[in-house]
C-alpha cells in the first residue's frame, strides 16, 4: 500500500490513511474511505475533484484536471451546485 494522504483522528490520536493506492495483479487500485459519512459528503467539491483526478491518473498515469476554484479550505466546505 502506498499512502497518498492522511488525516488526523481525534479518536485514535494519530494520522489515519485517507487516500492510498494498492497494487493488484498488473493493476493499481485507488482507495479512499472519504465520502461514507453521509450523502452530503459525496457532494463536496473536494471529494468530487479527488475521485475525478484519481480516475484520470489511474487511466493515463497523469493528471491534467486543475483543482476547482471552489476547492474547500480548512475553514470552508464547498458543495457542488
PDB file of N, CA and C in Angstrom:
ATOM      1  N   UNK A   1       0.839  -1.163   0.000  1.00  0.00           N
ATOM      2  CA  UNK A   1       0.000   0.000   0.000  1.00  0.00           C
ATOM      3  C   UNK A   1       0.891   1.235   0.000  1.00  0.00           C
ATOM      4  N   UNK A   2       0.516   2.199  -0.820  1.00  0.00           N
ATOM      5  CA  UNK A   2       1.215   3.482  -0.842  1.00  0.00           C
ATOM      6  C   UNK A   2       0.226   4.542  -0.353  1.00  0.00           C
ATOM      7  N   UNK A   3       0.531   5.151   0.771  1.00  0.00           N
ATOM      8  CA  UNK A   3      -0.356   6.155   1.352  1.00  0.00           C
ATOM      9  C   UNK A   3      -0.087   7.502   0.694  1.00  0.00           C
ATOM     10  N   UNK A   4      -1.144   8.110   0.169  1.00  0.00           N
ATOM     11  CA  UNK A   4      -1.037   9.389  -0.526  1.00  0.00           C
ATOM     12  C   UNK A   4      -1.448  10.564   0.346  1.00  0.00           C
ATOM     13  N   UNK A   5      -2.350  10.332   1.303  1.00  0.00           N
ATOM     14  CA  UNK A   5      -2.819  11.408   2.182  1.00  0.00           C
ATOM     15  C   UNK A   5      -3.336  10.816   3.482  1.00  0.00           C
ATOM     16  N   UNK A   6      -3.197  11.585   4.554  1.00  0.00           N
ATOM     17  CA  UNK A   6      -3.699  11.170   5.860  1.00  0.00           C
ATOM     18  C   UNK A   6      -4.526  12.300   6.463  1.00  0.00           C
ATOM     19  N   UNK A   7      -5.253  11.966   7.503  1.00  0.00           N
ATOM     20  CA  UNK A   7      -5.992  12.963   8.275  1.00  0.00           C
ATOM     21  C   UNK A   7      -5.862  12.590   9.740  1.00  0.00           C
ATOM     22  N   UNK A   8      -5.691  13.592  10.568  1.00  0.00           N
ATOM     23  CA  UNK A   8      -5.550  13.337  11.989  1.00  0.00           C
ATOM     24  C   UNK A   8      -6.895  12.931  12.583  1.00  0.00           C
ATOM     25  N   UNK A   9      -6.905  11.871  13.363  1.00  0.00           N
ATOM     26  CA  UNK A   9      -8.104  11.384  14.035  1.00  0.00           C
ATOM     27  C   UNK A   9      -8.016  11.705  15.521  1.00  0.00           C
ATOM     28  N   UNK A  10      -8.982  12.465  16.003  1.00  0.00           N
ATOM     29  CA  UNK A  10      -9.030  12.760  17.440  1.00  0.00           C
ATOM     30  C   UNK A  10      -9.331  11.491  18.229  1.00  0.00           C
ATOM     31  N   UNK A  11     -10.026  10.548  17.591  1.00  0.00           N
ATOM     32  CA  UNK A  11     -10.381   9.299  18.270  1.00  0.00           C
ATOM     33  C   UNK A  11      -9.160   8.407  18.495  1.00  0.00           C
ATOM     34  N   UNK A  12      -8.373   8.184  17.447  1.00  0.00           N
ATOM     35  CA  UNK A  12      -7.196   7.311  17.581  1.00  0.00           C
ATOM     36  C   UNK A  12      -5.940   8.076  17.984  1.00  0.00           C
ATOM     37  N   UNK A  13      -5.997   9.408  17.889  1.00  0.00           N
ATOM     38  CA  UNK A  13      -4.851  10.273  18.223  1.00  0.00           C
ATOM     39  C   UNK A  13      -3.660  10.042  17.281  1.00  0.00           C
ATOM     40  N   UNK A  14      -3.952   9.726  16.037  1.00  0.00           N
ATOM     41  CA  UNK A  14      -2.884   9.536  15.045  1.00  0.00           C
ATOM     42  C   UNK A  14      -3.416   9.878  13.654  1.00  0.00           C
ATOM     43  N   UNK A  15      -2.502   9.996  12.725  1.00  0.00           N
ATOM     44  CA  UNK A  15      -2.878  10.230  11.336  1.00  0.00           C
ATOM     45  C   UNK A  15      -3.312   8.901  10.725  1.00  0.00           C
ATOM     46  N   UNK A  16      -4.504   8.893  10.131  1.00  0.00           N
ATOM     47  CA  UNK A  16      -5.065   7.696   9.510  1.00  0.00           C
ATOM     48  C   UNK A  16      -5.044   7.862   7.994  1.00  0.00           C
ATOM     49  N   UNK A  17      -4.783   6.790   7.245  1.00  0.00           N
ATOM     50  CA  UNK A  17      -4.770   6.881   5.774  1.00  0.00           C
ATOM     51  C   UNK A  17      -6.133   7.311   5.230  1.00  0.00           C
ATOM     52  N   UNK A  18      -6.120   8.275   4.325  1.00  0.00           N
ATOM     53  CA  UNK A  18      -7.345   8.767   3.696  1.00  0.00           C
ATOM     54  C   UNK A  18      -7.355   8.561   2.188  1.00  0.00           C
ATOM     55  N   UNK A  19      -6.181   8.464   1.588  1.00  0.00           N
ATOM     56  CA  UNK A  19      -6.069   8.152   0.160  1.00  0.00           C
ATOM     57  C   UNK A  19      -4.867   7.242  -0.012  1.00  0.00           C
ATOM     58  N   UNK A  20      -5.064   6.150  -0.738  1.00  0.00           N
ATOM     59  CA  UNK A  20      -3.968   5.206  -0.924  1.00  0.00           C
ATOM     60  C   UNK A  20      -4.127   4.459  -2.241  1.00  0.00           C
ATOM     61  N   UNK A  21      -3.015   3.895  -2.698  1.00  0.00           N
ATOM     62  CA  UNK A  21      -3.054   3.003  -3.849  1.00  0.00           C
ATOM     63  C   UNK A  21      -2.552   1.638  -3.402  1.00  0.00           C
ATOM     64  N   UNK A  22      -3.079   0.624  -4.052  1.00  0.00           N
ATOM     65  CA  UNK A  22      -2.723  -0.755  -3.737  1.00  0.00           C
ATOM     66  C   UNK A  22      -2.497  -1.489  -5.052  1.00  0.00           C
ATOM     67  N   UNK A  23      -1.356  -2.135  -5.193  1.00  0.00           N
ATOM     68  CA  UNK A  23      -1.086  -2.947  -6.380  1.00  0.00           C
ATOM     69  C   UNK A  23      -1.999  -4.167  -6.348  1.00  0.00           C
ATOM     70  N   UNK A  24      -2.617  -4.496  -7.475  1.00  0.00           N
ATOM     71  CA  UNK A  24      -3.476  -5.664  -7.568  1.00  0.00           C
ATOM     72  C   UNK A  24      -3.217  -6.321  -8.916  1.00  0.00           C
ATOM     73  N   UNK A  25      -2.486  -7.412  -8.880  1.00  0.00           N
ATOM     74  CA  UNK A  25      -2.091  -8.051 -10.134  1.00  0.00           C
ATOM     75  C   UNK A  25      -1.268  -7.084 -10.955  1.00  0.00           C
ATOM     76  N   UNK A  26      -1.683  -6.857 -12.207  1.00  0.00           N
ATOM     77  CA  UNK A  26      -0.979  -5.907 -13.070  1.00  0.00           C
ATOM     78  C   UNK A  26      -1.560  -4.499 -12.975  1.00  0.00           C
ATOM     79  N   UNK A  27      -2.538  -4.331 -12.104  1.00  0.00           N
ATOM     80  CA  UNK A  27      -3.196  -3.040 -11.995  1.00  0.00           C
ATOM     81  C   UNK A  27      -2.935  -2.341 -10.678  1.00  0.00           C
ATOM     82  N   UNK A  28      -3.558  -1.191 -10.548  1.00  0.00           N
ATOM     83  CA  UNK A  28      -3.457  -0.380  -9.337  1.00  0.00           C
ATOM     84  C   UNK A  28      -4.870   0.016  -8.916  1.00  0.00           C
ATOM     85  N   UNK A  29      -5.138  -0.089  -7.632  1.00  0.00           N
ATOM     86  CA  UNK A  29      -6.426   0.302  -7.074  1.00  0.00           C
ATOM     87  C   UNK A  29      -6.222   1.585  -6.274  1.00  0.00           C
ATOM     88  N   UNK A  30      -7.102   2.551  -6.481  1.00  0.00           N
ATOM     89  CA  UNK A  30      -7.127   3.751  -5.648  1.00  0.00           C
ATOM     90  C   UNK A  30      -8.239   3.555  -4.633  1.00  0.00           C
ATOM     91  N   UNK A  31      -7.951   3.827  -3.365  1.00  0.00           N
ATOM     92  CA  UNK A  31      -8.966   3.674  -2.318  1.00  0.00           C
ATOM     93  C   UNK A  31      -8.988   4.905  -1.428  1.00  0.00           C
ATOM     94  N   UNK A  32     -10.192   5.305  -1.057  1.00  0.00           N
ATOM     95  CA  UNK A  32     -10.375   6.347  -0.059  1.00  0.00           C
ATOM     96  C   UNK A  32     -11.603   6.010   0.768  1.00  0.00           C
ATOM     97  N   UNK A  33     -11.507   6.126   2.089  1.00  0.00           N
ATOM     98  CA  UNK A  33     -12.700   5.941   2.913  1.00  0.00           C
ATOM     99  C   UNK A  33     -13.551   7.209   2.983  1.00  0.00           C
ATOM    100  N   UNK A  34     -13.084   8.282   2.359  1.00  0.00           N
ATOM    101  CA  UNK A  34     -13.850   9.534   2.392  1.00  0.00           C
ATOM    102  C   UNK A  34     -15.156   9.353   1.626  1.00  0.00           C
ATOM    103  N   UNK A  35     -16.173  10.060   2.065  1.00  0.00           N
ATOM    104  CA  UNK A  35     -17.457  10.032   1.372  1.00  0.00           C
ATOM    105  C   UNK A  35     -18.463   9.067   1.958  1.00  0.00           C
ATOM    106  N   UNK A  36     -18.098   8.324   2.981  1.00  0.00           N
ATOM    107  CA  UNK A  36     -19.024   7.332   3.527  1.00  0.00           C
ATOM    108  C   UNK A  36     -19.879   7.855   4.676  1.00  0.00           C
ATOM    109  N   UNK A  37     -19.612   9.046   5.141  1.00  0.00           N
ATOM    110  CA  UNK A  37     -20.272   9.550   6.346  1.00  0.00           C
ATOM    111  C   UNK A  37     -21.755   9.862   6.143  1.00  0.00           C
ATOM    112  N   UNK A  38     -22.084  10.529   5.073  1.00  0.00           N
ATOM    113  CA  UNK A  38     -23.478  10.867   4.779  1.00  0.00           C
ATOM    114  C   UNK A  38     -23.585  11.263   3.313  1.00  0.00           C
ATOM    115  N   UNK A  39     -24.776  11.455   2.848  1.00  0.00           N
ATOM    116  CA  UNK A  39     -24.965  11.802   1.442  1.00  0.00           C
ATOM    117  C   UNK A  39     -24.330  13.107   1.039  1.00  0.00           C
ATOM    118  N   UNK A  40     -24.242  14.075   1.959  1.00  0.00           N
ATOM    119  CA  UNK A  40     -23.677  15.393   1.621  1.00  0.00           C
ATOM    120  C   UNK A  40     -22.192  15.313   1.307  1.00  0.00           C
ATOM    121  N   UNK A  41     -21.475  14.399   1.944  1.00  0.00           N
ATOM    122  CA  UNK A  41     -20.033  14.331   1.699  1.00  0.00           C
ATOM    123  C   UNK A  41     -19.732  14.000   0.237  1.00  0.00           C
ATOM    124  N   UNK A  42     -20.643  13.286  -0.416  1.00  0.00           N
ATOM    125  CA  UNK A  42     -20.451  12.971  -1.832  1.00  0.00           C
ATOM    126  C   UNK A  42     -20.653  14.196  -2.723  1.00  0.00           C
ATOM    127  N   UNK A  43     -21.247  15.246  -2.191  1.00  0.00           N
ATOM    128  CA  UNK A  43     -21.464  16.484  -2.935  1.00  0.00           C
ATOM    129  C   UNK A  43     -20.316  17.470  -2.757  1.00  0.00           C
ATOM    130  N   UNK A  44     -19.339  17.133  -1.934  1.00  0.00           N
ATOM    131  CA  UNK A  44     -18.212  18.026  -1.665  1.00  0.00           C
ATOM    132  C   UNK A  44     -17.361  18.189  -2.926  1.00  0.00           C
ATOM    133  N   UNK A  45     -17.079  19.426  -3.273  1.00  0.00           N
ATOM    134  CA  UNK A  45     -16.258  19.718  -4.454  1.00  0.00           C
ATOM    135  C   UNK A  45     -14.890  19.029  -4.337  1.00  0.00           C
ATOM    136  N   UNK A  46     -14.326  18.997  -3.136  1.00  0.00           N
ATOM    137  CA  UNK A  46     -13.039  18.344  -2.928  1.00  0.00           C
ATOM    138  C   UNK A  46     -13.100  16.844  -3.164  1.00  0.00           C
ATOM    139  N   UNK A  47     -14.154  16.199  -2.697  1.00  0.00           N
ATOM    140  CA  UNK A  47     -14.322  14.760  -2.906  1.00  0.00           C
ATOM    141  C   UNK A  47     -14.485  14.448  -4.392  1.00  0.00           C
ATOM    142  N   UNK A  48     -15.338  15.212  -5.063  1.00  0.00           N
ATOM    143  CA  UNK A  48     -15.573  15.000  -6.496  1.00  0.00           C
ATOM    144  C   UNK A  48     -14.276  15.193  -7.289  1.00  0.00           C
ATOM    145  N   UNK A  49     -13.530  16.252  -6.986  1.00  0.00           N
ATOM    146  CA  UNK A  49     -12.266  16.507  -7.684  1.00  0.00           C
ATOM    147  C   UNK A  49     -11.267  15.379  -7.421  1.00  0.00           C
ATOM    148  N   UNK A  50     -11.222  14.894  -6.190  1.00  0.00           N
ATOM    149  CA  UNK A  50     -10.298  13.802  -5.844  1.00  0.00           C
ATOM    150  C   UNK A  50     -10.611  12.549  -6.643  1.00  0.00           C
ATOM    151  N   UNK A  51     -11.875  12.164  -6.708  1.00  0.00           N
ATOM    152  CA  UNK A  51     -12.264  10.958  -7.446  1.00  0.00           C
ATOM    153  C   UNK A  51     -11.997  11.128  -8.941  1.00  0.00           C
ATOM    154  N   UNK A  52     -12.349  12.288  -9.491  1.00  0.00           N
ATOM    155  CA  UNK A  52     -12.122  12.527 -10.923  1.00  0.00           C
ATOM    156  C   UNK A  52     -10.633  12.502 -11.267  1.00  0.00           C
ATOM    157  N   UNK A  53      -9.808  13.152 -10.450  1.00  0.00           N
ATOM    158  CA  UNK A  53      -8.369  13.200 -10.715  1.00  0.00           C
ATOM    159  C   UNK A  53      -7.724  11.831 -10.514  1.00  0.00           C
ATOM    160  N   UNK A  54      -8.205  11.075  -9.520  1.00  0.00           N
ATOM    161  CA  UNK A  54      -7.680   9.719  -9.304  1.00  0.00           C
ATOM    162  C   UNK A  54      -8.002   8.822 -10.492  1.00  0.00           C
ATOM    163  N   UNK A  55      -9.224   8.926 -11.001  1.00  0.00           N
ATOM    164  CA  UNK A  55      -9.611   8.110 -12.156  1.00  0.00           C
ATOM    165  C   UNK A  55      -8.764   8.450 -13.378  1.00  0.00           C
ATOM    166  N   UNK A  56      -8.517   9.735 -13.607  1.00  0.00           N
ATOM    167  CA  UNK A  56      -7.678  10.135 -14.738  1.00  0.00           C
ATOM    168  C   UNK A  56      -6.251   9.611 -14.567  1.00  0.00           C
ATOM    169  N   UNK A  57      -5.714   9.734 -13.357  1.00  0.00           N
ATOM    170  CA  UNK A  57      -4.351   9.261 -13.093  1.00  0.00           C
ATOM    171  C   UNK A  57      -4.246   7.752 -13.300  1.00  0.00           C
ATOM    172  N   UNK A  58      -5.243   7.002 -12.809  1.00  0.00           N
ATOM    173  CA  UNK A  58      -5.218   5.544 -12.982  1.00  0.00           C
ATOM    174  C   UNK A  58      -5.287   5.155 -14.457  1.00  0.00           C
ATOM    175  N   UNK A  59      -6.063   5.899 -15.235  1.00  0.00           N
ATOM    176  CA  UNK A  59      -6.241   5.570 -16.649  1.00  0.00           C
ATOM    177  C   UNK A  59      -5.077   6.007 -17.519  1.00  0.00           C
ATOM    178  N   UNK A  60      -4.424   7.128 -17.173  1.00  0.00           N
ATOM    179  CA  UNK A  60      -3.417   7.691 -18.075  1.00  0.00           C
ATOM    180  C   UNK A  60      -2.024   7.829 -17.463  1.00  0.00           C
ATOM    181  N   UNK A  61      -1.939   7.772 -16.133  1.00  0.00           N
ATOM    182  CA  UNK A  61      -0.654   7.978 -15.470  1.00  0.00           C
ATOM    183  C   UNK A  61      -0.319   9.430 -15.230  1.00  0.00           C
ATOM    184  N   UNK A  62      -1.247  10.324 -15.541  1.00  0.00           N
ATOM    185  CA  UNK A  62      -1.025  11.748 -15.300  1.00  0.00           C
ATOM    186  C   UNK A  62      -2.357  12.410 -14.973  1.00  0.00           C
ATOM    187  N   UNK A  63      -2.287  13.641 -14.488  1.00  0.00           N
ATOM    188  CA  UNK A  63      -3.493  14.400 -14.164  1.00  0.00           C
ATOM    189  C   UNK A  63      -3.422  15.741 -14.877  1.00  0.00           C
ATOM    190  N   UNK A  64      -4.416  16.008 -15.710  1.00  0.00           N
ATOM    191  CA  UNK A  64      -4.461  17.286 -16.424  1.00  0.00           C
ATOM    192  C   UNK A  64      -5.541  18.209 -15.848  1.00  0.00           C
ATOM    193  N   UNK A  65      -6.410  17.670 -15.020  1.00  0.00           N
ATOM    194  CA  UNK A  65      -7.507  18.453 -14.454  1.00  0.00           C
ATOM    195  C   UNK A  65      -6.999  19.389 -13.352  1.00  0.00           C
ATOM    196  N   UNK A  66      -7.287  20.655 -13.510  1.00  0.00           N
ATOM    197  CA  UNK A  66      -6.923  21.620 -12.470  1.00  0.00           C
ATOM    198  C   UNK A  66      -7.878  21.478 -11.293  1.00  0.00           C
ATOM    199  N   UNK A  67      -7.419  21.884 -10.115  1.00  0.00           N
ATOM    200  CA  UNK A  67      -8.317  21.902  -8.962  1.00  0.00           C
ATOM    201  C   UNK A  67      -9.381  22.964  -9.183  1.00  0.00           C
ATOM    202  N   UNK A  68     -10.616  22.688  -8.806  1.00  0.00           N
ATOM    203  CA  UNK A  68     -11.682  23.683  -8.977  1.00  0.00           C
ATOM    204  C   UNK A  68     -11.401  24.941  -8.146  1.00  0.00           C
ATOM    205  N   UNK A  69     -11.861  26.073  -8.636  1.00  0.00           N
ATOM    206  CA  UNK A  69     -11.683  27.316  -7.888  1.00  0.00           C
ATOM    207  C   UNK A  69     -12.464  27.274  -6.581  1.00  0.00           C
ATOM    208  N   UNK A  70     -13.519  26.467  -6.517  1.00  0.00           N
ATOM    209  CA  UNK A  70     -14.323  26.333  -5.301  1.00  0.00           C
ATOM    210  C   UNK A  70     -13.799  25.220  -4.384  1.00  0.00           C
ATOM    211  N   UNK A  71     -12.546  24.779  -4.573  1.00  0.00           N
ATOM    212  CA  UNK A  71     -11.995  23.699  -3.757  1.00  0.00           C
ATOM    213  C   UNK A  71     -12.072  24.098  -2.283  1.00  0.00           C
ATOM    214  N   UNK A  72     -12.538  23.200  -1.411  1.00  0.00           N
ATOM    215  CA  UNK A  72     -12.689  23.547   0.009  1.00  0.00           C
ATOM    216  C   UNK A  72     -11.365  23.902   0.692  1.00  0.00           C
ATOM    217  N   UNK A  73     -11.489  24.628   1.765  1.00  0.00           N
ATOM    218  CA  UNK A  73     -10.331  25.006   2.567  1.00  0.00           C
ATOM    219  C   UNK A  73     -10.523  24.447   3.979  1.00  0.00           C
ATOM    220  N   UNK A  74      -9.565  24.672   4.833  1.00  0.00           N
ATOM    221  CA  UNK A  74      -9.671  24.233   6.214  1.00  0.00           C
ATOM    222  C   UNK A  74     -10.918  24.790   6.897  1.00  0.00           C
ATOM    223  N   UNK A  75     -11.281  26.014   6.542  1.00  0.00           N
ATOM    224  CA  UNK A  75     -12.392  26.687   7.207  1.00  0.00           C
ATOM    225  C   UNK A  75     -13.669  26.786   6.385  1.00  0.00           C
ATOM    226  N   UNK A  76     -13.691  26.242   5.162  1.00  0.00           N
ATOM    227  CA  UNK A  76     -14.856  26.412   4.303  1.00  0.00           C
ATOM    228  C   UNK A  76     -15.166  25.133   3.530  1.00  0.00           C
ATOM    229  N   UNK A  77     -16.374  24.636   3.713  1.00  0.00           N
ATOM    230  CA  UNK A  77     -16.859  23.488   2.945  1.00  0.00           C
ATOM    231  C   UNK A  77     -17.466  24.025   1.662  1.00  0.00           C
ATOM    232  N   UNK A  78     -17.243  23.333   0.561  1.00  0.00           N
ATOM    233  CA  UNK A  78     -17.768  23.772  -0.716  1.00  0.00           C
ATOM    234  C   UNK A  78     -18.526  22.619  -1.361  1.00  0.00           C
ATOM    235  N   UNK A  79     -19.842  22.769  -1.510  1.00  0.00           N
ATOM    236  CA  UNK A  79     -20.654  21.731  -2.112  1.00  0.00           C
ATOM    237  C   UNK A  79     -20.915  22.042  -3.575  1.00  0.00           C
ATOM    238  N   UNK A  80     -21.060  20.974  -4.380  1.00  0.00           N
ATOM    239  CA  UNK A  80     -21.337  21.139  -5.805  1.00  0.00           C
ATOM    240  C   UNK A  80     -22.723  21.737  -5.983  1.00  0.00           C
ATOM    241  N   UNK A  81     -22.889  22.501  -7.052  1.00  0.00           N
ATOM    242  CA  UNK A  81     -24.190  23.142  -7.329  1.00  0.00           C
ATOM    243  C   UNK A  81     -25.205  22.116  -7.727  1.00  0.00           C
TER     244      UNK A  81
END
